[in-house]
Amino acid sequence: MKIFHLARPDSEKWGYDEAIEFIIISSSAKKARQLAADDPGDEGANVWTDSKESIIECIGTANKQQTEGVVVRDYRGT
Protein backbone atom coordinates (compact mmCIF):
# COMPACT_ATOMS: atom_id res chain seq x y z
CA MET A 1 0.00 0.00 0.00
CA LYS A 2 1.02 3.60 -0.54
CA ILE A 3 0.97 6.74 1.61
CA PHE A 4 -0.88 9.66 0.04
CA HIS A 5 -1.03 13.35 0.87
CA LEU A 6 -4.27 15.09 -0.13
CA ALA A 7 -4.63 18.85 0.15
CA ARG A 8 -6.81 21.78 -0.80
CA PRO A 9 -4.34 24.17 -2.43
CA ASP A 10 -6.50 27.31 -2.57
CA SER A 11 -6.30 28.70 0.98
CA GLU A 12 -8.60 31.59 0.03
CA LYS A 13 -11.48 29.10 -0.09
CA TRP A 14 -10.84 27.62 3.36
CA GLY A 15 -13.52 28.23 5.95
CA TYR A 16 -13.92 27.15 9.53
CA ASP A 17 -14.94 23.61 10.44
CA GLU A 18 -13.29 22.31 7.28
CA ALA A 19 -10.64 19.68 6.60
CA ILE A 20 -7.74 21.10 4.62
CA GLU A 21 -5.45 18.11 4.18
CA PHE A 22 -5.06 14.39 4.89
CA ILE A 23 -2.35 11.75 5.09
CA ILE A 24 -3.90 8.42 4.07
CA ILE A 25 -2.62 4.89 3.62
CA SER A 26 -4.40 3.21 0.74
CA SER A 27 -4.01 0.79 -2.13
CA SER A 28 -4.79 3.48 -4.73
CA ALA A 29 -5.21 7.22 -5.18
CA LYS A 30 -8.89 6.71 -5.98
CA LYS A 31 -9.43 4.82 -2.71
CA ALA A 32 -7.46 7.48 -0.79
CA ARG A 33 -9.73 10.18 -2.20
CA GLN A 34 -12.79 8.18 -1.13
CA LEU A 35 -11.43 7.72 2.40
CA ALA A 36 -10.95 11.50 2.65
CA ALA A 37 -14.46 12.04 1.29
CA ASP A 38 -15.79 9.74 4.02
CA ASP A 39 -14.45 12.14 6.69
CA PRO A 40 -15.06 15.71 5.44
CA GLY A 41 -15.83 18.85 7.34
CA ASP A 42 -18.14 21.59 6.13
CA GLU A 43 -16.27 21.70 2.79
CA GLY A 44 -18.18 18.57 1.75
CA ALA A 45 -17.14 15.20 0.42
CA ASN A 46 -16.97 16.25 -3.23
CA VAL A 47 -13.91 18.44 -2.56
CA TRP A 48 -11.85 15.30 -1.93
CA THR A 49 -13.03 13.38 -4.98
CA ASP A 50 -12.72 16.32 -7.41
CA SER A 51 -9.21 16.78 -8.83
CA LYS A 52 -10.01 20.45 -9.51
CA GLU A 53 -10.65 21.08 -5.80
CA SER A 54 -7.89 18.98 -4.20
CA ILE A 55 -4.52 17.56 -5.10
CA ILE A 56 -3.14 14.13 -4.30
CA GLU A 57 0.45 12.96 -4.20
CA CYS A 58 2.00 9.62 -3.31
CA ILE A 59 4.62 10.37 -0.66
CA GLY A 60 5.78 6.89 0.27
CA THR A 61 5.14 3.21 0.75
CA ALA A 62 3.49 1.84 3.85
CA ASN A 63 5.07 -1.05 5.72
CA LYS A 64 3.26 -4.36 6.16
CA GLN A 65 2.10 -3.52 9.69
CA GLN A 66 0.24 -0.39 8.60
CA THR A 67 -3.43 -0.66 7.72
CA GLU A 68 -5.52 1.25 5.22
CA GLY A 69 -7.11 4.44 6.50
CA VAL A 70 -6.68 8.04 7.53
CA VAL A 71 -3.45 8.69 9.44
CA VAL A 72 -3.70 12.49 9.79
CA ARG A 73 -6.62 14.84 9.22
CA ASP A 74 -5.73 18.54 9.34
CA TYR A 75 -8.92 20.30 10.38
CA ARG A 76 -9.52 24.02 10.67
CA GLY A 77 -12.00 24.33 13.53
CA THR A 78 -13.59 27.30 15.20
C-alpha atoms as a PDB file:
ATOM      1  CA  MET A   1       0.000   0.000   0.000  1.00  0.00           C
ATOM      2  CA  LYS A   2       1.016   3.603  -0.539  1.00  0.00           C
ATOM      3  CA  ILE A   3       0.973   6.735   1.605  1.00  0.00           C
ATOM      4  CA  PHE A   4      -0.875   9.659   0.040  1.00  0.00           C
ATOM      5  CA  HIS A   5      -1.034  13.354   0.870  1.00  0.00           C
ATOM      6  CA  LEU A   6      -4.271  15.093  -0.131  1.00  0.00           C
ATOM      7  CA  ALA A   7      -4.628  18.849   0.146  1.00  0.00           C
ATOM      8  CA  ARG A   8      -6.805  21.776  -0.802  1.00  0.00           C
ATOM      9  CA  PRO A   9      -4.344  24.175  -2.428  1.00  0.00           C
ATOM     10  CA  ASP A  10      -6.495  27.308  -2.567  1.00  0.00           C
ATOM     11  CA  SER A  11      -6.299  28.699   0.981  1.00  0.00           C
ATOM     12  CA  GLU A  12      -8.596  31.595   0.034  1.00  0.00           C
ATOM     13  CA  LYS A  13     -11.481  29.097  -0.093  1.00  0.00           C
ATOM     14  CA  TRP A  14     -10.836  27.618   3.357  1.00  0.00           C
ATOM     15  CA  GLY A  15     -13.516  28.228   5.948  1.00  0.00           C
ATOM     16  CA  TYR A  16     -13.917  27.152   9.531  1.00  0.00           C
ATOM     17  CA  ASP A  17     -14.937  23.613  10.436  1.00  0.00           C
ATOM     18  CA  GLU A  18     -13.295  22.310   7.284  1.00  0.00           C
ATOM     19  CA  ALA A  19     -10.643  19.683   6.601  1.00  0.00           C
ATOM     20  CA  ILE A  20      -7.738  21.104   4.623  1.00  0.00           C
ATOM     21  CA  GLU A  21      -5.452  18.106   4.184  1.00  0.00           C
ATOM     22  CA  PHE A  22      -5.057  14.392   4.893  1.00  0.00           C
ATOM     23  CA  ILE A  23      -2.355  11.747   5.090  1.00  0.00           C
ATOM     24  CA  ILE A  24      -3.896   8.423   4.074  1.00  0.00           C
ATOM     25  CA  ILE A  25      -2.622   4.889   3.623  1.00  0.00           C
ATOM     26  CA  SER A  26      -4.396   3.210   0.740  1.00  0.00           C
ATOM     27  CA  SER A  27      -4.008   0.787  -2.130  1.00  0.00           C
ATOM     28  CA  SER A  28      -4.790   3.484  -4.727  1.00  0.00           C
ATOM     29  CA  ALA A  29      -5.213   7.221  -5.184  1.00  0.00           C
ATOM     30  CA  LYS A  30      -8.894   6.705  -5.978  1.00  0.00           C
ATOM     31  CA  LYS A  31      -9.431   4.822  -2.714  1.00  0.00           C
ATOM     32  CA  ALA A  32      -7.465   7.481  -0.787  1.00  0.00           C
ATOM     33  CA  ARG A  33      -9.733  10.181  -2.204  1.00  0.00           C
ATOM     34  CA  GLN A  34     -12.793   8.184  -1.129  1.00  0.00           C
ATOM     35  CA  LEU A  35     -11.428   7.722   2.400  1.00  0.00           C
ATOM     36  CA  ALA A  36     -10.949  11.497   2.655  1.00  0.00           C
ATOM     37  CA  ALA A  37     -14.462  12.039   1.286  1.00  0.00           C
ATOM     38  CA  ASP A  38     -15.792   9.737   4.023  1.00  0.00           C
ATOM     39  CA  ASP A  39     -14.451  12.143   6.695  1.00  0.00           C
ATOM     40  CA  PRO A  40     -15.058  15.711   5.439  1.00  0.00           C
ATOM     41  CA  GLY A  41     -15.826  18.852   7.335  1.00  0.00           C
ATOM     42  CA  ASP A  42     -18.137  21.593   6.128  1.00  0.00           C
ATOM     43  CA  GLU A  43     -16.275  21.702   2.790  1.00  0.00           C
ATOM     44  CA  GLY A  44     -18.185  18.571   1.746  1.00  0.00           C
ATOM     45  CA  ALA A  45     -17.139  15.200   0.425  1.00  0.00           C
ATOM     46  CA  ASN A  46     -16.975  16.251  -3.229  1.00  0.00           C
ATOM     47  CA  VAL A  47     -13.915  18.440  -2.559  1.00  0.00           C
ATOM     48  CA  TRP A  48     -11.848  15.304  -1.928  1.00  0.00           C
ATOM     49  CA  THR A  49     -13.034  13.376  -4.980  1.00  0.00           C
ATOM     50  CA  ASP A  50     -12.723  16.325  -7.409  1.00  0.00           C
ATOM     51  CA  SER A  51      -9.214  16.783  -8.829  1.00  0.00           C
ATOM     52  CA  LYS A  52     -10.009  20.451  -9.507  1.00  0.00           C
ATOM     53  CA  GLU A  53     -10.652  21.080  -5.802  1.00  0.00           C
ATOM     54  CA  SER A  54      -7.892  18.983  -4.201  1.00  0.00           C
ATOM     55  CA  ILE A  55      -4.519  17.560  -5.103  1.00  0.00           C
ATOM     56  CA  ILE A  56      -3.140  14.126  -4.301  1.00  0.00           C
ATOM     57  CA  GLU A  57       0.447  12.956  -4.200  1.00  0.00           C
ATOM     58  CA  CYS A  58       2.001   9.623  -3.313  1.00  0.00           C
ATOM     59  CA  ILE A  59       4.621  10.372  -0.660  1.00  0.00           C
ATOM     60  CA  GLY A  60       5.784   6.891   0.266  1.00  0.00           C
ATOM     61  CA  THR A  61       5.142   3.209   0.749  1.00  0.00           C
ATOM     62  CA  ALA A  62       3.488   1.836   3.852  1.00  0.00           C
ATOM     63  CA  ASN A  63       5.067  -1.045   5.722  1.00  0.00           C
ATOM     64  CA  LYS A  64       3.260  -4.357   6.160  1.00  0.00           C
ATOM     65  CA  GLN A  65       2.095  -3.517   9.693  1.00  0.00           C
ATOM     66  CA  GLN A  66       0.236  -0.387   8.605  1.00  0.00           C
ATOM     67  CA  THR A  67      -3.426  -0.660   7.719  1.00  0.00           C
ATOM     68  CA  GLU A  68      -5.521   1.249   5.216  1.00  0.00           C
ATOM     69  CA  GLY A  69      -7.110   4.437   6.499  1.00  0.00           C
ATOM     70  CA  VAL A  70      -6.679   8.037   7.534  1.00  0.00           C
ATOM     71  CA  VAL A  71      -3.447   8.694   9.442  1.00  0.00           C
ATOM     72  CA  VAL A  72      -3.699  12.487   9.786  1.00  0.00           C
ATOM     73  CA  ARG A  73      -6.619  14.839   9.221  1.00  0.00           C
ATOM     74  CA  ASP A  74      -5.734  18.544   9.343  1.00  0.00           C
ATOM     75  CA  TYR A  75      -8.920  20.297  10.385  1.00  0.00           C
ATOM     76  CA  ARG A  76      -9.521  24.015  10.674  1.00  0.00           C
ATOM     77  CA  GLY A  77     -11.997  24.327  13.535  1.00  0.00           C
ATOM     78  CA  THR A  78     -13.586  27.302  15.199  1.00  0.00           C
END
